Amino acid sequence: LNMSGLPWQRQDTSDPRQMPKQKLPAIKVDGTIIPDSENIRRYLES
């Protein structure tokens, strides 16, 4: 995210059970949650 230069903020949690893959990290964009660091990379590349 820092490399992308895009504005972002963080939300900390110790409980990933509500995430789509029940894992972290994930990003929330316009109400949509994108899980997994590789998917986050793909989104930033898009």
All heavy atoms as atom14 arrays in JSON, in Angstrom:
{
  "sequence": "LNMSGLPWQRQDTSDPRQMPKQKLPAIKVDGTIIPDSENIRRYLES",
  "atom14_mask": [
    [1, 1, 1, 1, 1, 1, 1, 1, 0, 0, 0, 0, 0, 0],
    [1, 1, 1, 1, 1, 1, 1, 1, 0, 0, 0, 0, 0, 0],
    [1, 1, 1, 1, 1, 1, 1, 1, 0, 0, 0, 0, 0, 0],
    [1, 1, 1, 1, 1, 1, 0, 0, 0, 0, 0, 0, 0, 0],
    [1, 1, 1, 1, 0, 0, 0, 0, 0, 0, 0, 0, 0, 0],
    [1, 1, 1, 1, 1, 1, 1, 1, 0, 0, 0, 0, 0, 0],
    [1, 1, 1, 1, 1, 1, 1, 0, 0, 0, 0, 0, 0, 0],
    [1, 1, 1, 1, 1, 1, 1, 1, 1, 1, 1, 1, 1, 1],
    [1, 1, 1, 1, 1, 1, 1, 1, 1, 0, 0, 0, 0, 0],
    [1, 1, 1, 1, 1, 1, 1, 1, 1, 1, 1, 0, 0, 0],
    [1, 1, 1, 1, 1, 1, 1, 1, 1, 0, 0, 0, 0, 0],
    [1, 1, 1, 1, 1, 1, 1, 1, 0, 0, 0, 0, 0, 0],
    [1, 1, 1, 1, 1, 1, 1, 0, 0, 0, 0, 0, 0, 0],
    [1, 1, 1, 1, 1, 1, 0, 0, 0, 0, 0, 0, 0, 0],
    [1, 1, 1, 1, 1, 1, 1, 1, 0, 0, 0, 0, 0, 0],
    [1, 1, 1, 1, 1, 1, 1, 0, 0, 0, 0, 0, 0, 0],
    [1, 1, 1, 1, 1, 1, 1, 1, 1, 1, 1, 0, 0, 0],
    [1, 1, 1, 1, 1, 1, 1, 1, 1, 0, 0, 0, 0, 0],
    [1, 1, 1, 1, 1, 1, 1, 1, 0, 0, 0, 0, 0, 0],
    [1, 1, 1, 1, 1, 1, 1, 0, 0, 0, 0, 0, 0, 0],
    [1, 1, 1, 1, 1, 1, 1, 1, 1, 0, 0, 0, 0, 0],
    [1, 1, 1, 1, 1, 1, 1, 1, 1, 0, 0, 0, 0, 0],
    [1, 1, 1, 1, 1, 1, 1, 1, 1, 0, 0, 0, 0, 0],
    [1, 1, 1, 1, 1, 1, 1, 1, 0, 0, 0, 0, 0, 0],
    [1, 1, 1, 1, 1, 1, 1, 0, 0, 0, 0, 0, 0, 0],
    [1, 1, 1, 1, 1, 0, 0, 0, 0, 0, 0, 0, 0, 0],
    [1, 1, 1, 1, 1, 1, 1, 1, 0, 0, 0, 0, 0, 0],
    [1, 1, 1, 1, 1, 1, 1, 1, 1, 0, 0, 0, 0, 0],
    [1, 1, 1, 1, 1, 1, 1, 0, 0, 0, 0, 0, 0, 0],
    [1, 1, 1, 1, 1, 1, 1, 1, 0, 0, 0, 0, 0, 0],
    [1, 1, 1, 1, 0, 0, 0, 0, 0, 0, 0, 0, 0, 0],
    [1, 1, 1, 1, 1, 1, 1, 0, 0, 0, 0, 0, 0, 0],
    [1, 1, 1, 1, 1, 1, 1, 1, 0, 0, 0, 0, 0, 0],
    [1, 1, 1, 1, 1, 1, 1, 1, 0, 0, 0, 0, 0, 0],
    [1, 1, 1, 1, 1, 1, 1, 0, 0, 0, 0, 0, 0, 0],
    [1, 1, 1, 1, 1, 1, 1, 1, 0, 0, 0, 0, 0, 0],
    [1, 1, 1, 1, 1, 1, 0, 0, 0, 0, 0, 0, 0, 0],
    [1, 1, 1, 1, 1, 1, 1, 1, 1, 0, 0, 0, 0, 0],
    [1, 1, 1, 1, 1, 1, 1, 1, 0, 0, 0, 0, 0, 0],
    [1, 1, 1, 1, 1, 1, 1, 1, 0, 0, 0, 0, 0, 0],
    [1, 1, 1, 1, 1, 1, 1, 1, 1, 1, 1, 0, 0, 0],
    [1, 1, 1, 1, 1, 1, 1, 1, 1, 1, 1, 0, 0, 0],
    [1, 1, 1, 1, 1, 1, 1, 1, 1, 1, 1, 1, 0, 0],
    [1, 1, 1, 1, 1, 1, 1, 1, 0, 0, 0, 0, 0, 0],
    [1, 1, 1, 1, 1, 1, 1, 1, 1, 0, 0, 0, 0, 0],
    [1, 1, 1, 1, 1, 1, 0, 0, 0, 0, 0, 0, 0, 0]
  ],
  "atom14_positions": [
    [[0.83, -1.21, 0.0], [0.0, 0.0, 0.0], [0.87, 1.26, 0.0], [0.57, 2.22, -0.72], [-0.93, -0.01, 1.22], [-2.13, -0.95, 1.11], [-2.73, -1.24, 2.48], [-3.19, -0.35, 0.19], [0.0, 0.0, 0.0], [0.0, 0.0, 0.0], [0.0, 0.0, 0.0], [0.0, 0.0, 0.0], [0.0, 0.0, 0.0], [0.0, 0.0, 0.0]],
    [[1.92, 1.24, 0.79], [2.83, 2.39, 0.8], [3.49, 2.59, -0.56], [3.64, 3.71, -1.05], [3.89, 2.22, 1.88], [3.35, 2.48, 3.27], [2.3, 3.1, 3.44], [4.06, 2.02, 4.28], [0.0, 0.0, 0.0], [0.0, 0.0, 0.0], [0.0, 0.0, 0.0], [0.0, 0.0, 0.0], [0.0, 0.0, 0.0], [0.0, 0.0, 0.0]],
    [[3.88, 1.48, -1.19], [4.51, 1.56, -2.51], [3.55, 2.09, -3.57], [3.98, 2.73, -4.54], [5.03, 0.19, -2.94], [6.23, -0.32, -2.14], [6.7, -2.0, -2.61], [7.42, -1.71, -4.22], [0.0, 0.0, 0.0], [0.0, 0.0, 0.0], [0.0, 0.0, 0.0], [0.0, 0.0, 0.0], [0.0, 0.0, 0.0], [0.0, 0.0, 0.0]],
    [[2.27, 1.8, -3.39], [1.29, 2.2, -4.41], [1.1, 3.71, -4.47], [0.69, 4.24, -5.51], [-0.06, 1.54, -4.12], [-0.74, 2.19, -3.05], [0.0, 0.0, 0.0], [0.0, 0.0, 0.0], [0.0, 0.0, 0.0], [0.0, 0.0, 0.0], [0.0, 0.0, 0.0], [0.0, 0.0, 0.0], [0.0, 0.0, 0.0], [0.0, 0.0, 0.0]],
    [[1.38, 4.4, -3.36], [1.14, 5.84, -3.32], [-0.31, 6.21, -3.14], [-0.65, 7.41, -3.1], [0.0, 0.0, 0.0], [0.0, 0.0, 0.0], [0.0, 0.0, 0.0], [0.0, 0.0, 0.0], [0.0, 0.0, 0.0], [0.0, 0.0, 0.0], [0.0, 0.0, 0.0], [0.0, 0.0, 0.0], [0.0, 0.0, 0.0], [0.0, 0.0, 0.0]],
    [[-1.2, 5.23, -3.01], [-2.63, 5.5, -2.83], [-2.93, 5.79, -1.36], [-2.26, 5.25, -0.47], [-3.47, 4.31, -3.29], [-3.36, 3.94, -4.78], [-4.11, 2.64, -5.05], [-3.9, 5.06, -5.64], [0.0, 0.0, 0.0], [0.0, 0.0, 0.0], [0.0, 0.0, 0.0], [0.0, 0.0, 0.0], [0.0, 0.0, 0.0], [0.0, 0.0, 0.0]],
    [[-3.91, 6.65, -1.09], [-4.26, 6.93, 0.31], [-4.92, 5.71, 0.96], [-5.74, 5.03, 0.33], [-5.23, 8.11, 0.2], [-5.82, 8.0, -1.17], [-4.73, 7.42, -2.04], [0.0, 0.0, 0.0], [0.0, 0.0, 0.0], [0.0, 0.0, 0.0], [0.0, 0.0, 0.0], [0.0, 0.0, 0.0], [0.0, 0.0, 0.0], [0.0, 0.0, 0.0]],
    [[-4.56, 5.44, 2.19], [-5.15, 4.31, 2.9], [-5.1, 4.55, 4.39], [-4.36, 5.4, 4.88], [-4.45, 3.0, 2.53], [-3.01, 2.89, 2.99], [-1.91, 3.43, 2.38], [-2.52, 2.21, 4.15], [-0.76, 3.13, 3.08], [-1.12, 2.38, 4.18], [-3.13, 1.48, 5.17], [-0.32, 1.83, 5.19], [-2.34, 0.94, 6.16], [-0.95, 1.12, 6.16]],
    [[-5.89, 3.79, 5.11], [-5.91, 3.83, 6.55], [-5.96, 2.4, 7.07], [-6.32, 1.48, 6.31], [-7.12, 4.61, 7.07], [-8.45, 4.02, 6.64], [-9.63, 4.91, 6.97], [-9.47, 5.98, 7.55], [-10.84, 4.46, 6.61], [0.0, 0.0, 0.0], [0.0, 0.0, 0.0], [0.0, 0.0, 0.0], [0.0, 0.0, 0.0], [0.0, 0.0, 0.0]],
    [[-5.61, 2.2, 8.34], [-5.62, 0.84, 8.88], [-6.69, 0.67, 9.95], [-7.04, 1.63, 10.65], [-4.25, 0.42, 9.39], [-3.75, 1.13, 10.62], [-2.34, 0.63, 10.98], [-2.34, -0.69, 11.6], [-1.25, -1.44, 11.79], [-0.08, -0.99, 11.37], [-1.33, -2.62, 12.36], [0.0, 0.0, 0.0], [0.0, 0.0, 0.0], [0.0, 0.0, 0.0]],
    [[-7.18, -0.56, 10.03], [-8.14, -0.94, 11.06], [-7.63, -2.23, 11.69], [-7.57, -3.27, 11.03], [-9.53, -1.16, 10.43], [-10.58, -1.69, 11.39], [-11.88, -1.99, 10.68], [-12.27, -1.28, 9.75], [-12.56, -3.05, 11.1], [0.0, 0.0, 0.0], [0.0, 0.0, 0.0], [0.0, 0.0, 0.0], [0.0, 0.0, 0.0], [0.0, 0.0, 0.0]],
    [[-7.22, -2.17, 12.94], [-6.64, -3.33, 13.61], [-7.71, -4.22, 14.23], [-8.69, -3.74, 14.79], [-5.68, -2.88, 14.71], [-4.41, -2.25, 14.16], [-4.24, -2.24, 12.91], [-3.58, -1.78, 14.95], [0.0, 0.0, 0.0], [0.0, 0.0, 0.0], [0.0, 0.0, 0.0], [0.0, 0.0, 0.0], [0.0, 0.0, 0.0], [0.0, 0.0, 0.0]],
    [[-7.48, -5.51, 14.13], [-8.34, -6.49, 14.79], [-7.52, -7.74, 15.07], [-6.59, -8.06, 14.33], [-9.56, -6.85, 13.93], [-10.36, -7.82, 14.63], [-9.16, -7.45, 12.6], [0.0, 0.0, 0.0], [0.0, 0.0, 0.0], [0.0, 0.0, 0.0], [0.0, 0.0, 0.0], [0.0, 0.0, 0.0], [0.0, 0.0, 0.0], [0.0, 0.0, 0.0]],
    [[-7.85, -8.43, 16.14], [-7.2, -9.7, 16.46], [-8.07, -10.89, 16.09], [-7.68, -12.03, 16.3], [-6.87, -9.75, 17.96], [-5.93, -8.75, 18.31], [0.0, 0.0, 0.0], [0.0, 0.0, 0.0], [0.0, 0.0, 0.0], [0.0, 0.0, 0.0], [0.0, 0.0, 0.0], [0.0, 0.0, 0.0], [0.0, 0.0, 0.0], [0.0, 0.0, 0.0]],
    [[-9.25, -10.61, 15.52], [-10.21, -11.67, 15.21], [-10.56, -11.63, 13.72], [-11.35, -10.79, 13.29], [-11.47, -11.49, 16.06], [-12.43, -12.66, 15.91], [-12.19, -13.55, 15.07], [-13.44, -12.69, 16.64], [0.0, 0.0, 0.0], [0.0, 0.0, 0.0], [0.0, 0.0, 0.0], [0.0, 0.0, 0.0], [0.0, 0.0, 0.0], [0.0, 0.0, 0.0]],
    [[-9.98, -12.54, 12.93], [-10.24, -12.52, 11.49], [-11.47, -13.33, 11.07], [-11.71, -13.5, 9.87], [-8.97, -13.15, 10.93], [-8.58, -14.14, 11.98], [-8.97, -13.53, 13.31], [0.0, 0.0, 0.0], [0.0, 0.0, 0.0], [0.0, 0.0, 0.0], [0.0, 0.0, 0.0], [0.0, 0.0, 0.0], [0.0, 0.0, 0.0], [0.0, 0.0, 0.0]],
    [[-12.24, -13.82, 12.01], [-13.31, -14.76, 11.66], [-14.39, -14.14, 10.79], [-15.1, -14.86, 10.08], [-13.93, -15.34, 12.94], [-13.02, -16.32, 13.67], [-13.63, -16.8, 14.96], [-13.81, -15.7, 15.91], [-14.41, -15.83, 17.08], [-14.88, -17.02, 17.47], [-14.53, -14.78, 17.89], [0.0, 0.0, 0.0], [0.0, 0.0, 0.0], [0.0, 0.0, 0.0]],
    [[-14.55, -12.82, 10.81], [-15.57, -12.18, 10.0], [-15.09, -11.88, 8.58], [-15.87, -11.43, 7.75], [-16.01, -10.87, 10.67], [-16.62, -11.06, 12.05], [-17.81, -12.01, 12.03], [-18.69, -11.88, 11.18], [-17.84, -12.95, 12.96], [0.0, 0.0, 0.0], [0.0, 0.0, 0.0], [0.0, 0.0, 0.0], [0.0, 0.0, 0.0], [0.0, 0.0, 0.0]],
    [[-13.82, -12.16, 8.3], [-13.29, -11.92, 6.97], [-13.72, -13.04, 6.01], [-13.97, -14.16, 6.44], [-11.76, -11.83, 7.01], [-11.23, -10.65, 7.81], [-11.7, -9.05, 7.1], [-13.04, -8.57, 8.2], [0.0, 0.0, 0.0], [0.0, 0.0, 0.0], [0.0, 0.0, 0.0], [0.0, 0.0, 0.0], [0.0, 0.0, 0.0], [0.0, 0.0, 0.0]],
    [[-13.78, -12.75, 4.7], [-14.24, -13.76, 3.74], [-13.47, -15.08, 3.8], [-14.05, -16.14, 3.64], [-14.04, -13.07, 2.39], [-14.17, -11.61, 2.69], [-13.57, -11.44, 4.06], [0.0, 0.0, 0.0], [0.0, 0.0, 0.0], [0.0, 0.0, 0.0], [0.0, 0.0, 0.0], [0.0, 0.0, 0.0], [0.0, 0.0, 0.0], [0.0, 0.0, 0.0]],
    [[-12.17, -15.04, 4.02], [-11.35, -16.25, 4.11], [-11.0, -16.59, 5.55], [-10.21, -17.5, 5.81], [-10.07, -16.09, 3.3], [-10.27, -15.74, 1.84], [-10.98, -16.83, 1.07], [-11.08, -16.47, -0.41], [-11.84, -17.48, -1.16], [0.0, 0.0, 0.0], [0.0, 0.0, 0.0], [0.0, 0.0, 0.0], [0.0, 0.0, 0.0], [0.0, 0.0, 0.0]],
    [[-11.56, -15.83, 6.5], [-11.24, -15.97, 7.92], [-9.73, -15.83, 8.16], [-9.15, -16.5, 9.01], [-11.75, -17.3, 8.47], [-13.27, -17.41, 8.43], [-13.81, -18.61, 9.17], [-13.16, -19.65, 9.26], [-15.0, -18.47, 9.72], [0.0, 0.0, 0.0], [0.0, 0.0, 0.0], [0.0, 0.0, 0.0], [0.0, 0.0, 0.0], [0.0, 0.0, 0.0]],
    [[-9.12, -14.94, 7.37], [-7.68, -14.68, 7.48], [-7.46, -13.18, 7.27], [-8.3, -12.48, 6.73], [-6.9, -15.47, 6.41], [-6.94, -16.97, 6.57], [-6.38, -17.68, 5.36], [-4.93, -17.33, 5.11], [-4.36, -18.06, 3.94], [0.0, 0.0, 0.0], [0.0, 0.0, 0.0], [0.0, 0.0, 0.0], [0.0, 0.0, 0.0], [0.0, 0.0, 0.0]],
    [[-6.31, -12.72, 7.7], [-5.87, -11.34, 7.47], [-4.51, -11.39, 6.79], [-3.77, -12.35, 6.96], [-5.78, -10.59, 8.8], [-7.1, -10.31, 9.52], [-6.84, -9.68, 10.88], [-8.01, -9.43, 8.69], [0.0, 0.0, 0.0], [0.0, 0.0, 0.0], [0.0, 0.0, 0.0], [0.0, 0.0, 0.0], [0.0, 0.0, 0.0], [0.0, 0.0, 0.0]],
    [[-4.23, -10.35, 5.96], [-4.9, -9.06, 5.83], [-6.06, -9.1, 4.84], [-6.24, -10.07, 4.09], [-3.79, -8.17, 5.3], [-3.01, -9.09, 4.4], [-2.99, -10.41, 5.14], [0.0, 0.0, 0.0], [0.0, 0.0, 0.0], [0.0, 0.0, 0.0], [0.0, 0.0, 0.0], [0.0, 0.0, 0.0], [0.0, 0.0, 0.0], [0.0, 0.0, 0.0]],
    [[-6.81, -8.0, 4.85], [-7.85, -7.75, 3.87], [-7.96, -6.24, 3.71], [-7.54, -5.49, 4.6], [-9.19, -8.34, 4.32], [0.0, 0.0, 0.0], [0.0, 0.0, 0.0], [0.0, 0.0, 0.0], [0.0, 0.0, 0.0], [0.0, 0.0, 0.0], [0.0, 0.0, 0.0], [0.0, 0.0, 0.0], [0.0, 0.0, 0.0], [0.0, 0.0, 0.0]],
    [[-8.49, -5.81, 2.6], [-8.76, -4.39, 2.42], [-10.25, -4.19, 2.14], [-10.9, -5.07, 1.56], [-7.92, -3.73, 1.3], [-8.13, -4.43, -0.04], [-6.45, -3.7, 1.68], [-7.47, -3.73, -1.23], [0.0, 0.0, 0.0], [0.0, 0.0, 0.0], [0.0, 0.0, 0.0], [0.0, 0.0, 0.0], [0.0, 0.0, 0.0], [0.0, 0.0, 0.0]],
    [[-10.75, -3.05, 2.56], [-12.13, -2.67, 2.28], [-12.1, -1.48, 1.34], [-11.48, -0.46, 1.63], [-12.85, -2.31, 3.58], [-14.34, -2.01, 3.4], [-14.96, -1.5, 4.68], [-14.91, -2.52, 5.79], [-15.57, -2.01, 7.03], [0.0, 0.0, 0.0], [0.0, 0.0, 0.0], [0.0, 0.0, 0.0], [0.0, 0.0, 0.0], [0.0, 0.0, 0.0]],
    [[-12.76, -1.66, 0.2], [-12.82, -0.6, -0.83], [-14.26, -0.43, -1.25], [-14.88, -1.37, -1.79], [-11.95, -0.97, -2.06], [-11.96, 0.18, -3.06], [-10.54, -1.33, -1.66], [0.0, 0.0, 0.0], [0.0, 0.0, 0.0], [0.0, 0.0, 0.0], [0.0, 0.0, 0.0], [0.0, 0.0, 0.0], [0.0, 0.0, 0.0], [0.0, 0.0, 0.0]],
    [[-14.82, 0.75, -1.0], [-16.21, 1.04, -1.38], [-17.17, -0.03, -0.87], [-18.08, -0.47, -1.58], [-16.34, 1.17, -2.9], [-15.54, 2.34, -3.45], [-15.39, 3.34, -2.71], [-15.06, 2.25, -4.59], [0.0, 0.0, 0.0], [0.0, 0.0, 0.0], [0.0, 0.0, 0.0], [0.0, 0.0, 0.0], [0.0, 0.0, 0.0], [0.0, 0.0, 0.0]],
    [[-16.96, -0.48, 0.35], [-17.84, -1.46, 0.97], [-17.54, -2.91, 0.62], [-18.15, -3.82, 1.19], [0.0, 0.0, 0.0], [0.0, 0.0, 0.0], [0.0, 0.0, 0.0], [0.0, 0.0, 0.0], [0.0, 0.0, 0.0], [0.0, 0.0, 0.0], [0.0, 0.0, 0.0], [0.0, 0.0, 0.0], [0.0, 0.0, 0.0], [0.0, 0.0, 0.0]],
    [[-16.61, -3.13, -0.31], [-16.23, -4.49, -0.7], [-14.95, -4.9, 0.02], [-13.98, -4.12, 0.06], [-16.01, -4.58, -2.22], [-17.24, -4.25, -2.89], [-15.59, -5.99, -2.62], [0.0, 0.0, 0.0], [0.0, 0.0, 0.0], [0.0, 0.0, 0.0], [0.0, 0.0, 0.0], [0.0, 0.0, 0.0], [0.0, 0.0, 0.0], [0.0, 0.0, 0.0]],
    [[-14.94, -6.1, 0.57], [-13.74, -6.59, 1.26], [-12.97, -7.51, 0.32], [-13.53, -8.46, -0.24], [-14.12, -7.34, 2.55], [-14.75, -6.36, 3.56], [-12.88, -8.0, 3.16], [-15.18, -7.0, 4.85], [0.0, 0.0, 0.0], [0.0, 0.0, 0.0], [0.0, 0.0, 0.0], [0.0, 0.0, 0.0], [0.0, 0.0, 0.0], [0.0, 0.0, 0.0]],
    [[-11.7, -7.22, 0.16], [-10.8, -8.02, -0.68], [-9.79, -8.7, 0.24], [-8.94, -8.03, 0.83], [-10.08, -7.14, -1.71], [-11.09, -6.41, -2.59], [-9.12, -7.97, -2.56], [-10.5, -5.35, -3.5], [0.0, 0.0, 0.0], [0.0, 0.0, 0.0], [0.0, 0.0, 0.0], [0.0, 0.0, 0.0], [0.0, 0.0, 0.0], [0.0, 0.0, 0.0]],
    [[-9.88, -10.01, 0.41], [-8.98, -10.7, 1.33], [-7.71, -11.2, 0.65], [-7.68, -11.35, -0.57], [-9.82, -11.89, 1.8], [-10.64, -12.23, 0.59], [-10.9, -10.92, -0.14], [0.0, 0.0, 0.0], [0.0, 0.0, 0.0], [0.0, 0.0, 0.0], [0.0, 0.0, 0.0], [0.0, 0.0, 0.0], [0.0, 0.0, 0.0], [0.0, 0.0, 0.0]],
    [[-6.68, -11.43, 1.45], [-5.44, -12.08, 1.01], [-4.47, -11.06, 0.4], [-4.87, -10.23, -0.44], [-5.71, -13.2, 0.0], [-4.48, -14.03, -0.29], [-4.19, -14.95, 0.49], [-3.78, -13.75, -1.29], [0.0, 0.0, 0.0], [0.0, 0.0, 0.0], [0.0, 0.0, 0.0], [0.0, 0.0, 0.0], [0.0, 0.0, 0.0], [0.0, 0.0, 0.0]],
    [[-3.22, -11.16, 0.82], [-2.22, -10.17, 0.38], [-1.99, -10.21, -1.12], [-1.7, -9.18, -1.74], [-0.9, -10.39, 1.12], [-0.32, -11.65, 0.79], [0.0, 0.0, 0.0], [0.0, 0.0, 0.0], [0.0, 0.0, 0.0], [0.0, 0.0, 0.0], [0.0, 0.0, 0.0], [0.0, 0.0, 0.0], [0.0, 0.0, 0.0], [0.0, 0.0, 0.0]],
    [[-2.11, -11.39, -1.73], [-1.91, -11.47, -3.18], [-3.07, -10.81, -3.92], [-2.86, -10.15, -4.95], [-1.77, -12.93, -3.61], [-1.21, -13.12, -5.02], [0.22, -12.61, -5.19], [0.92, -12.4, -4.18], [0.63, -12.42, -6.35], [0.0, 0.0, 0.0], [0.0, 0.0, 0.0], [0.0, 0.0, 0.0], [0.0, 0.0, 0.0], [0.0, 0.0, 0.0]],
    [[-4.28, -10.96, -3.4], [-5.42, -10.28, -4.01], [-5.33, -8.76, -3.83], [-5.76, -7.99, -4.69], [-6.73, -10.79, -3.42], [-7.04, -12.21, -3.84], [-6.55, -12.68, -4.87], [-7.83, -12.92, -3.06], [0.0, 0.0, 0.0], [0.0, 0.0, 0.0], [0.0, 0.0, 0.0], [0.0, 0.0, 0.0], [0.0, 0.0, 0.0], [0.0, 0.0, 0.0]],
    [[-4.76, -8.36, -2.69], [-4.54, -6.92, -2.47], [-3.55, -6.39, -3.5], [-3.75, -5.32, -4.07], [-4.03, -6.68, -1.04], [-5.13, -7.01, -0.02], [-3.54, -5.25, -0.86], [-4.68, -7.02, 1.42], [0.0, 0.0, 0.0], [0.0, 0.0, 0.0], [0.0, 0.0, 0.0], [0.0, 0.0, 0.0], [0.0, 0.0, 0.0], [0.0, 0.0, 0.0]],
    [[-2.51, -7.14, -3.76], [-1.55, -6.73, -4.79], [-2.25, -6.59, -6.14], [-2.05, -5.6, -6.85], [-0.4, -7.74, -4.9], [0.54, -7.41, -6.05], [1.64, -8.44, -6.25], [2.4, -8.14, -7.45], [3.44, -8.83, -7.89], [3.86, -9.88, -7.2], [4.07, -8.48, -8.99], [0.0, 0.0, 0.0], [0.0, 0.0, 0.0], [0.0, 0.0, 0.0]],
    [[-3.08, -7.57, -6.49], [-3.78, -7.51, -7.77], [-4.68, -6.28, -7.86], [-4.77, -5.64, -8.91], [-4.62, -8.78, -7.97], [-3.81, -10.01, -8.33], [-4.69, -11.04, -9.0], [-4.12, -12.38, -8.84], [-4.57, -13.3, -8.01], [-5.59, -13.04, -7.25], [-3.99, -14.47, -7.94], [0.0, 0.0, 0.0], [0.0, 0.0, 0.0], [0.0, 0.0, 0.0]],
    [[-5.36, -5.98, -6.76], [-6.22, -4.8, -6.78], [-5.4, -3.53, -7.01], [-5.77, -2.68, -7.84], [-7.0, -4.67, -5.47], [-7.72, -3.34, -5.38], [-8.9, -3.12, -6.07], [-7.17, -2.28, -4.65], [-9.54, -1.88, -6.04], [-7.8, -1.03, -4.61], [-8.98, -0.84, -5.3], [-9.6, 0.38, -5.28], [0.0, 0.0, 0.0], [0.0, 0.0, 0.0]],
    [[-4.29, -3.41, -6.29], [-3.46, -2.21, -6.44], [-2.91, -2.11, -7.86], [-2.79, -1.01, -8.42], [-2.34, -2.23, -5.41], [-2.79, -2.16, -3.94], [-1.6, -2.34, -3.01], [-3.52, -0.85, -3.66], [0.0, 0.0, 0.0], [0.0, 0.0, 0.0], [0.0, 0.0, 0.0], [0.0, 0.0, 0.0], [0.0, 0.0, 0.0], [0.0, 0.0, 0.0]],
    [[-2.57, -3.25, -8.44], [-2.09, -3.23, -9.83], [-3.21, -2.83, -10.78], [-2.96, -2.15, -11.79], [-1.53, -4.6, -10.2], [-0.2, -4.9, -9.5], [0.32, -6.3, -9.74], [-0.5, -7.21, -9.99], [1.55, -6.5, -9.65], [0.0, 0.0, 0.0], [0.0, 0.0, 0.0], [0.0, 0.0, 0.0], [0.0, 0.0, 0.0], [0.0, 0.0, 0.0]],
    [[-4.45, -3.21, -10.46], [-5.58, -2.8, -11.31], [-5.81, -1.3, -11.24], [-6.45, -0.72, -12.13], [-6.86, -3.54, -10.88], [-7.41, -2.99, -9.69], [0.0, 0.0, 0.0], [0.0, 0.0, 0.0], [0.0, 0.0, 0.0], [0.0, 0.0, 0.0], [0.0, 0.0, 0.0], [0.0, 0.0, 0.0], [0.0, 0.0, 0.0], [0.0, 0.0, 0.0]]
  ]
}
